[in-house]
Every structure is written in structure tokens, then in C-alpha cells.
Amino acid sequence: MATSVTVGNSYLVRAVAAEMSIGVENAVECWLSQIDRALTDVHLTTLGRLNAVNEILDKYKRLTGKTQLACRRA
């Protein structure tokens, strides 16, 4: 079913898309910040840092219900 977008609806669509974009950006930054902290923690050994990053990835997978991450490149 095709729908026409009026000027008012177009503004709403752009506003919702902008909010979604901000939410995605904040979420990605949060995950990357956690990984950065794990990798730069001077109190952890190299293996400890790797384990900390694995815990962050496991938490992400558990919260999202994903078992495999997409866009893996060889």
C-alpha cells in the first residue's frame, strides 16, 4: 500500500529518523567506550584485557539475542 507524505508527515519522519540516529550513535559509543576501557585498563594483564572484551561482547550478544555478529569479513 503506497502512502503519500505530506509536509507535516515529512517533518515527523525526519525528526523520528534523527532521534533514531542519535540513539544508535549513543549506543555504539557506549559499547566502544566499554571496550576502550577494557583494553586500556593498566590493572589487567593482556589475557585479562582480552577476557574483559569478550565479556562485553557476550553481554551485547545476550542483550540483543544474537549468537553471531553480522558483517564478518574474512
N, C-alpha and C. Protein backbone atom coordinates (compact mmCIF):
# COMPACT_ATOMS: atom_id res chain seq x y z
N MET A 1 0.84 -1.16 0.00
CA MET A 1 0.00 0.00 0.00
C MET A 1 0.90 1.24 0.00
N ALA A 2 0.72 2.08 -0.97
CA ALA A 2 1.50 3.32 -1.06
C ALA A 2 0.80 4.41 -0.27
N THR A 3 1.59 5.22 0.41
CA THR A 3 1.02 6.35 1.13
C THR A 3 1.74 7.60 0.69
N SER A 4 1.01 8.69 0.68
CA SER A 4 1.63 9.96 0.32
C SER A 4 2.13 10.63 1.59
N VAL A 5 3.22 11.34 1.47
CA VAL A 5 3.81 12.03 2.62
C VAL A 5 3.53 13.51 2.46
N THR A 6 2.83 14.05 3.43
CA THR A 6 2.57 15.48 3.40
C THR A 6 3.74 16.20 4.05
N VAL A 7 3.73 17.52 3.96
CA VAL A 7 4.82 18.31 4.54
C VAL A 7 4.92 18.06 6.03
N GLY A 8 3.81 18.01 6.73
CA GLY A 8 3.82 17.75 8.18
C GLY A 8 4.35 16.36 8.50
N ASN A 9 3.92 15.36 7.73
CA ASN A 9 4.40 14.00 7.94
C ASN A 9 5.87 13.88 7.62
N SER A 10 6.32 14.59 6.59
CA SER A 10 7.72 14.57 6.20
C SER A 10 8.58 15.09 7.34
N TYR A 11 8.14 16.14 8.00
CA TYR A 11 8.88 16.68 9.15
C TYR A 11 8.95 15.65 10.26
N LEU A 12 7.84 14.99 10.52
CA LEU A 12 7.79 13.97 11.57
C LEU A 12 8.73 12.81 11.25
N VAL A 13 8.73 12.36 10.02
CA VAL A 13 9.61 11.26 9.61
C VAL A 13 11.07 11.66 9.80
N ARG A 14 11.44 12.87 9.39
CA ARG A 14 12.82 13.35 9.57
C ARG A 14 13.18 13.45 11.04
N ALA A 15 12.26 13.92 11.86
CA ALA A 15 12.51 14.06 13.29
C ALA A 15 12.70 12.70 13.94
N VAL A 16 11.87 11.75 13.60
CA VAL A 16 12.00 10.39 14.15
C VAL A 16 13.31 9.76 13.69
N ALA A 17 13.65 9.92 12.42
CA ALA A 17 14.90 9.37 11.89
C ALA A 17 16.11 9.99 12.60
N ALA A 18 16.06 11.28 12.86
CA ALA A 18 17.16 11.95 13.55
C ALA A 18 17.30 11.42 14.97
N GLU A 19 16.19 11.24 15.67
CA GLU A 19 16.23 10.70 17.03
C GLU A 19 16.78 9.28 17.04
N MET A 20 16.36 8.47 16.08
CA MET A 20 16.85 7.10 15.99
C MET A 20 18.35 7.09 15.72
N SER A 21 18.80 7.97 14.85
CA SER A 21 20.21 8.07 14.53
C SER A 21 21.03 8.45 15.76
N ILE A 22 20.55 9.39 16.54
CA ILE A 22 21.23 9.78 17.76
C ILE A 22 21.28 8.62 18.74
N GLY A 23 20.19 7.88 18.86
CA GLY A 23 20.16 6.72 19.75
C GLY A 23 21.15 5.65 19.35
N VAL A 24 21.24 5.37 18.07
CA VAL A 24 22.19 4.37 17.57
C VAL A 24 23.62 4.85 17.82
N GLU A 25 23.89 6.11 17.53
CA GLU A 25 25.23 6.66 17.75
C GLU A 25 25.63 6.58 19.22
N ASN A 26 24.70 6.92 20.11
CA ASN A 26 25.00 6.84 21.55
C ASN A 26 25.25 5.41 22.00
N ALA A 27 24.48 4.47 21.48
CA ALA A 27 24.65 3.07 21.86
C ALA A 27 26.01 2.55 21.38
N VAL A 28 26.37 2.85 20.14
CA VAL A 28 27.66 2.40 19.61
C VAL A 28 28.80 3.02 20.42
N GLU A 29 28.69 4.30 20.73
CA GLU A 29 29.73 4.96 21.51
C GLU A 29 29.85 4.33 22.91
N CYS A 30 28.74 3.96 23.49
CA CYS A 30 28.75 3.32 24.81
C CYS A 30 29.51 1.99 24.76
N TRP A 31 29.18 1.15 23.79
CA TRP A 31 29.86 -0.15 23.66
C TRP A 31 31.35 0.05 23.39
N LEU A 32 31.68 0.98 22.49
CA LEU A 32 33.09 1.21 22.17
C LEU A 32 33.84 1.78 23.37
N SER A 33 33.19 2.60 24.16
CA SER A 33 33.80 3.14 25.36
C SER A 33 34.12 2.02 26.36
N GLN A 34 33.21 1.08 26.50
CA GLN A 34 33.46 -0.06 27.38
C GLN A 34 34.64 -0.88 26.89
N ILE A 35 34.71 -1.10 25.59
CA ILE A 35 35.83 -1.86 25.02
C ILE A 35 37.13 -1.10 25.21
N ASP A 36 37.10 0.21 24.99
CA ASP A 36 38.29 1.02 25.18
C ASP A 36 38.79 0.95 26.62
N ARG A 37 37.88 1.06 27.58
CA ARG A 37 38.28 0.97 28.99
C ARG A 37 38.89 -0.38 29.29
N ALA A 38 38.32 -1.45 28.74
CA ALA A 38 38.86 -2.79 28.98
C ALA A 38 40.26 -2.92 28.39
N LEU A 39 40.47 -2.36 27.21
CA LEU A 39 41.76 -2.50 26.54
C LEU A 39 42.85 -1.63 27.14
N THR A 40 42.46 -0.58 27.85
CA THR A 40 43.46 0.33 28.41
C THR A 40 43.57 0.23 29.92
N ASP A 41 42.91 -0.76 30.53
CA ASP A 41 42.97 -0.94 31.98
C ASP A 41 44.36 -1.45 32.37
N VAL A 42 45.14 -0.61 33.04
CA VAL A 42 46.51 -0.97 33.39
C VAL A 42 46.56 -2.02 34.50
N HIS A 43 45.44 -2.28 35.14
CA HIS A 43 45.39 -3.28 36.21
C HIS A 43 45.18 -4.69 35.68
N LEU A 44 44.92 -4.81 34.38
CA LEU A 44 44.68 -6.11 33.78
C LEU A 44 45.89 -6.57 32.98
N THR A 45 46.06 -7.87 32.94
CA THR A 45 47.08 -8.45 32.07
C THR A 45 46.54 -8.44 30.64
N THR A 46 47.36 -8.80 29.70
CA THR A 46 46.91 -8.89 28.32
C THR A 46 45.75 -9.87 28.20
N LEU A 47 45.88 -11.02 28.86
CA LEU A 47 44.79 -12.00 28.84
C LEU A 47 43.55 -11.45 29.55
N GLY A 48 43.76 -10.70 30.63
CA GLY A 48 42.64 -10.08 31.33
C GLY A 48 41.89 -9.09 30.46
N ARG A 49 42.64 -8.34 29.67
CA ARG A 49 42.01 -7.38 28.76
C ARG A 49 41.19 -8.10 27.70
N LEU A 50 41.76 -9.16 27.16
CA LEU A 50 41.04 -9.95 26.16
C LEU A 50 39.76 -10.54 26.76
N ASN A 51 39.87 -11.05 27.96
CA ASN A 51 38.69 -11.61 28.64
C ASN A 51 37.65 -10.53 28.90
N ALA A 52 38.09 -9.33 29.28
CA ALA A 52 37.15 -8.23 29.53
C ALA A 52 36.39 -7.86 28.26
N VAL A 53 37.10 -7.81 27.13
CA VAL A 53 36.44 -7.51 25.85
C VAL A 53 35.47 -8.63 25.48
N ASN A 54 35.87 -9.87 25.70
CA ASN A 54 34.96 -11.00 25.44
C ASN A 54 33.71 -10.92 26.29
N GLU A 55 33.84 -10.49 27.54
CA GLU A 55 32.66 -10.33 28.41
C GLU A 55 31.72 -9.25 27.86
N ILE A 56 32.29 -8.17 27.35
CA ILE A 56 31.46 -7.10 26.76
C ILE A 56 30.72 -7.62 25.54
N LEU A 57 31.41 -8.37 24.69
CA LEU A 57 30.76 -8.95 23.51
C LEU A 57 29.69 -9.96 23.89
N ASP A 58 29.98 -10.79 24.88
CA ASP A 58 28.99 -11.75 25.35
C ASP A 58 27.75 -11.05 25.89
N LYS A 59 27.96 -9.96 26.64
CA LYS A 59 26.83 -9.20 27.18
C LYS A 59 26.00 -8.62 26.04
N TYR A 60 26.67 -8.05 25.03
CA TYR A 60 25.97 -7.50 23.87
C TYR A 60 25.12 -8.58 23.19
N LYS A 61 25.74 -9.73 22.96
CA LYS A 61 25.02 -10.82 22.30
C LYS A 61 23.83 -11.29 23.14
N ARG A 62 24.03 -11.38 24.45
CA ARG A 62 22.94 -11.82 25.33
C ARG A 62 21.79 -10.81 25.32
N LEU A 63 22.13 -9.52 25.41
CA LEU A 63 21.08 -8.49 25.45
C LEU A 63 20.33 -8.36 24.13
N THR A 64 21.01 -8.61 23.03
CA THR A 64 20.37 -8.47 21.72
C THR A 64 19.79 -9.79 21.20
N GLY A 65 20.14 -10.89 21.87
CA GLY A 65 19.67 -12.18 21.41
C GLY A 65 20.42 -12.72 20.21
N LYS A 66 21.57 -12.13 19.91
CA LYS A 66 22.36 -12.55 18.76
C LYS A 66 23.40 -13.57 19.19
N THR A 67 23.58 -14.58 18.36
CA THR A 67 24.64 -15.55 18.63
C THR A 67 25.80 -15.35 17.68
N GLN A 68 25.54 -14.76 16.52
CA GLN A 68 26.56 -14.43 15.53
C GLN A 68 26.46 -12.95 15.20
N LEU A 69 27.58 -12.31 15.01
CA LEU A 69 27.57 -10.92 14.59
C LEU A 69 27.65 -10.86 13.08
N ALA A 70 26.83 -10.04 12.48
CA ALA A 70 26.79 -9.91 11.02
C ALA A 70 27.99 -9.11 10.53
N CYS A 71 28.18 -9.11 9.24
CA CYS A 71 29.19 -8.31 8.56
C CYS A 71 30.60 -8.77 8.91
N ARG A 72 30.76 -10.06 9.12
CA ARG A 72 32.11 -10.60 9.35
C ARG A 72 32.77 -10.73 8.01
N ARG A 73 33.98 -10.25 7.93
CA ARG A 73 34.74 -10.34 6.68
C ARG A 73 35.96 -11.18 6.92
N ALA A 74 36.29 -12.00 5.95
CA ALA A 74 37.46 -12.88 6.08
C ALA A 74 38.74 -12.14 5.93
